[in-house]
């Protein structure tokens, strides 16, 4: 009788270990899915934006984060000189340039 009680007590402990393992697997799978659907595409988009900003050239049409459309007159290391209308020029930080308006 005593042997049967000991064998019966070991079975739930093994079941709990398997349950814990499946929980860990589910958490890992959640992080993998989150990486492929959220983090990876955001990194790719940021890399494309950085390449666009580093490739700015004189005469290129751009839009700022504030929605100002203009044409690049001069490109410096950290900022650009942008012609907005006629003789109106603005010095804008490169991080404020968001996209090419043709896209």
C-alpha atoms as a PDB file:
ATOM      1  CA  UNK A   1       0.000   0.000   0.000  1.00  0.00           C
ATOM      2  CA  UNK A   2       2.784   2.364   0.909  1.00  0.00           C
ATOM      3  CA  UNK A   3       4.484   1.732  -2.464  1.00  0.00           C
ATOM      4  CA  UNK A   4       1.312   2.629  -4.336  1.00  0.00           C
ATOM      5  CA  UNK A   5       0.992   5.962  -2.509  1.00  0.00           C
ATOM      6  CA  UNK A   6       4.551   6.884  -3.389  1.00  0.00           C
ATOM      7  CA  UNK A   7       4.016   6.004  -7.060  1.00  0.00           C
ATOM      8  CA  UNK A   8       0.792   8.022  -7.126  1.00  0.00           C
ATOM      9  CA  UNK A   9       2.519  11.084  -5.657  1.00  0.00           C
ATOM     10  CA  UNK A  10       5.272  11.018  -8.310  1.00  0.00           C
ATOM     11  CA  UNK A  11       2.847  11.179 -11.243  1.00  0.00           C
ATOM     12  CA  UNK A  12       1.471  14.718 -10.565  1.00  0.00           C
ATOM     13  CA  UNK A  13       4.991  16.055 -10.077  1.00  0.00           C
ATOM     14  CA  UNK A  14       5.963  14.788 -13.533  1.00  0.00           C
ATOM     15  CA  UNK A  15       2.821  16.327 -15.021  1.00  0.00           C
ATOM     16  CA  UNK A  16       3.658  19.703 -13.485  1.00  0.00           C
ATOM     17  CA  UNK A  17       7.157  19.573 -14.976  1.00  0.00           C
ATOM     18  CA  UNK A  18       5.709  19.000 -18.436  1.00  0.00           C
ATOM     19  CA  UNK A  19       3.227  21.820 -17.943  1.00  0.00           C
ATOM     20  CA  UNK A  20       6.024  24.179 -16.952  1.00  0.00           C
ATOM     21  CA  UNK A  21       8.037  23.193 -20.011  1.00  0.00           C
ATOM     22  CA  UNK A  22       5.102  23.878 -22.319  1.00  0.00           C
ATOM     23  CA  UNK A  23       4.622  27.293 -20.674  1.00  0.00           C
ATOM     24  CA  UNK A  24       8.253  28.183 -21.315  1.00  0.00           C
ATOM     25  CA  UNK A  25       7.942  27.055 -24.931  1.00  0.00           C
ATOM     26  CA  UNK A  26       4.825  29.216 -25.364  1.00  0.00           C
ATOM     27  CA  UNK A  27       6.604  32.286 -23.945  1.00  0.00           C
ATOM     28  CA  UNK A  28       9.585  31.738 -26.251  1.00  0.00           C
ATOM     29  CA  UNK A  29       7.253  31.347 -29.239  1.00  0.00           C
ATOM     30  CA  UNK A  30       5.493  34.581 -28.266  1.00  0.00           C
ATOM     31  CA  UNK A  31       8.798  36.470 -28.332  1.00  0.00           C
ATOM     32  CA  UNK A  32       9.740  34.918 -31.685  1.00  0.00           C
ATOM     33  CA  UNK A  33       6.428  35.958 -33.226  1.00  0.00           C
ATOM     34  CA  UNK A  34       6.721  39.442 -31.735  1.00  0.00           C
ATOM     35  CA  UNK A  35      10.236  39.780 -33.192  1.00  0.00           C
ATOM     36  CA  UNK A  36       9.193  38.794 -36.719  1.00  0.00           C
ATOM     37  CA  UNK A  37       5.982  40.856 -36.798  1.00  0.00           C
ATOM     38  CA  UNK A  38       7.037  43.980 -34.877  1.00  0.00           C
ATOM     39  CA  UNK A  39      10.737  44.462 -34.232  1.00  0.00           C
ATOM     40  CA  UNK A  40      12.243  43.220 -37.507  1.00  0.00           C
ATOM     41  CA  UNK A  41      10.007  45.291 -39.846  1.00  0.00           C
ATOM     42  CA  UNK A  42      10.577  48.400 -37.727  1.00  0.00           C
ATOM     43  CA  UNK A  43      14.360  47.953 -37.912  1.00  0.00           C
ATOM     44  CA  UNK A  44      14.141  47.481 -41.679  1.00  0.00           C
ATOM     45  CA  UNK A  45      12.055  50.649 -42.070  1.00  0.00           C
ATOM     46  CA  UNK A  46      14.488  52.624 -39.873  1.00  0.00           C
ATOM     47  CA  UNK A  47      17.452  51.397 -41.914  1.00  0.00           C
ATOM     48  CA  UNK A  48      15.743  52.498 -45.151  1.00  0.00           C
ATOM     49  CA  UNK A  49      15.034  55.938 -43.648  1.00  0.00           C
ATOM     50  CA  UNK A  50      18.664  56.290 -42.510  1.00  0.00           C
ATOM     51  CA  UNK A  51      19.886  55.354 -45.999  1.00  0.00           C
ATOM     52  CA  UNK A  52      17.494  57.917 -47.515  1.00  0.00           C
ATOM     53  CA  UNK A  53      18.745  60.657 -45.172  1.00  0.00           C
ATOM     54  CA  UNK A  54      22.406  59.810 -45.822  1.00  0.00           C
ATOM     55  CA  UNK A  55      21.779  59.836 -49.573  1.00  0.00           C
ATOM     56  CA  UNK A  56      20.211  63.299 -49.716  1.00  0.00           C
ATOM     57  CA  UNK A  57      21.496  65.361 -52.634  1.00  0.00           C
ATOM     58  CA  UNK A  58      21.129  68.897 -53.922  1.00  0.00           C
ATOM     59  CA  UNK A  59      17.919  69.394 -55.898  1.00  0.00           C
ATOM     60  CA  UNK A  60      16.045  66.501 -54.271  1.00  0.00           C
ATOM     61  CA  UNK A  61      12.451  67.112 -53.153  1.00  0.00           C
ATOM     62  CA  UNK A  62      11.757  66.253 -49.498  1.00  0.00           C
ATOM     63  CA  UNK A  63       9.094  66.535 -46.785  1.00  0.00           C
ATOM     64  CA  UNK A  64       9.860  67.347 -43.153  1.00  0.00           C
ATOM     65  CA  UNK A  65       8.246  65.754 -40.109  1.00  0.00           C
ATOM     66  CA  UNK A  66       6.134  68.898 -39.767  1.00  0.00           C
ATOM     67  CA  UNK A  67       4.787  68.553 -43.307  1.00  0.00           C
ATOM     68  CA  UNK A  68       6.895  71.251 -44.998  1.00  0.00           C
ATOM     69  CA  UNK A  69       7.669  70.478 -48.643  1.00  0.00           C
ATOM     70  CA  UNK A  70      10.880  71.772 -50.162  1.00  0.00           C
ATOM     71  CA  UNK A  71      13.932  71.216 -52.320  1.00  0.00           C
ATOM     72  CA  UNK A  72      17.394  70.509 -50.893  1.00  0.00           C
ATOM     73  CA  UNK A  73      19.846  73.354 -51.607  1.00  0.00           C
ATOM     74  CA  UNK A  74      22.785  72.253 -49.456  1.00  0.00           C
ATOM     75  CA  UNK A  75      23.638  69.109 -47.472  1.00  0.00           C
ATOM     76  CA  UNK A  76      25.828  69.196 -44.368  1.00  0.00           C
ATOM     77  CA  UNK A  77      26.763  66.466 -41.924  1.00  0.00           C
ATOM     78  CA  UNK A  78      23.905  67.082 -39.456  1.00  0.00           C
ATOM     79  CA  UNK A  79      21.493  69.370 -41.289  1.00  0.00           C
ATOM     80  CA  UNK A  80      20.334  70.536 -44.698  1.00  0.00           C
ATOM     81  CA  UNK A  81      19.441  73.888 -46.224  1.00  0.00           C
ATOM     82  CA  UNK A  82      16.042  73.558 -47.837  1.00  0.00           C
ATOM     83  CA  UNK A  83      14.376  75.974 -50.241  1.00  0.00           C
ATOM     84  CA  UNK A  84      10.677  76.217 -49.467  1.00  0.00           C
ATOM     85  CA  UNK A  85       9.359  78.918 -51.815  1.00  0.00           C
ATOM     86  CA  UNK A  86      11.208  81.495 -53.912  1.00  0.00           C
ATOM     87  CA  UNK A  87      13.967  82.936 -51.732  1.00  0.00           C
ATOM     88  CA  UNK A  88      12.718  81.316 -48.516  1.00  0.00           C
ATOM     89  CA  UNK A  89      15.232  78.823 -47.158  1.00  0.00           C
ATOM     90  CA  UNK A  90      15.158  76.804 -43.967  1.00  0.00           C
ATOM     91  CA  UNK A  91      17.946  75.010 -42.144  1.00  0.00           C
ATOM     92  CA  UNK A  92      16.504  71.668 -41.036  1.00  0.00           C
ATOM     93  CA  UNK A  93      18.066  68.828 -39.048  1.00  0.00           C
ATOM     94  CA  UNK A  94      18.418  65.640 -41.111  1.00  0.00           C
ATOM     95  CA  UNK A  95      16.389  63.689 -38.560  1.00  0.00           C
ATOM     96  CA  UNK A  96      13.379  65.892 -39.407  1.00  0.00           C
ATOM     97  CA  UNK A  97      13.433  64.800 -43.057  1.00  0.00           C
ATOM     98  CA  UNK A  98      10.892  62.005 -43.375  1.00  0.00           C
ATOM     99  CA  UNK A  99      10.418  61.052 -47.012  1.00  0.00           C
ATOM    100  CA  UNK A 100      10.516  61.836 -50.663  1.00  0.00           C
ATOM    101  CA  UNK A 101       7.119  63.320 -51.636  1.00  0.00           C
ATOM    102  CA  UNK A 102       6.984  61.204 -54.813  1.00  0.00           C
ATOM    103  CA  UNK A 103       6.444  58.050 -52.759  1.00  0.00           C
END
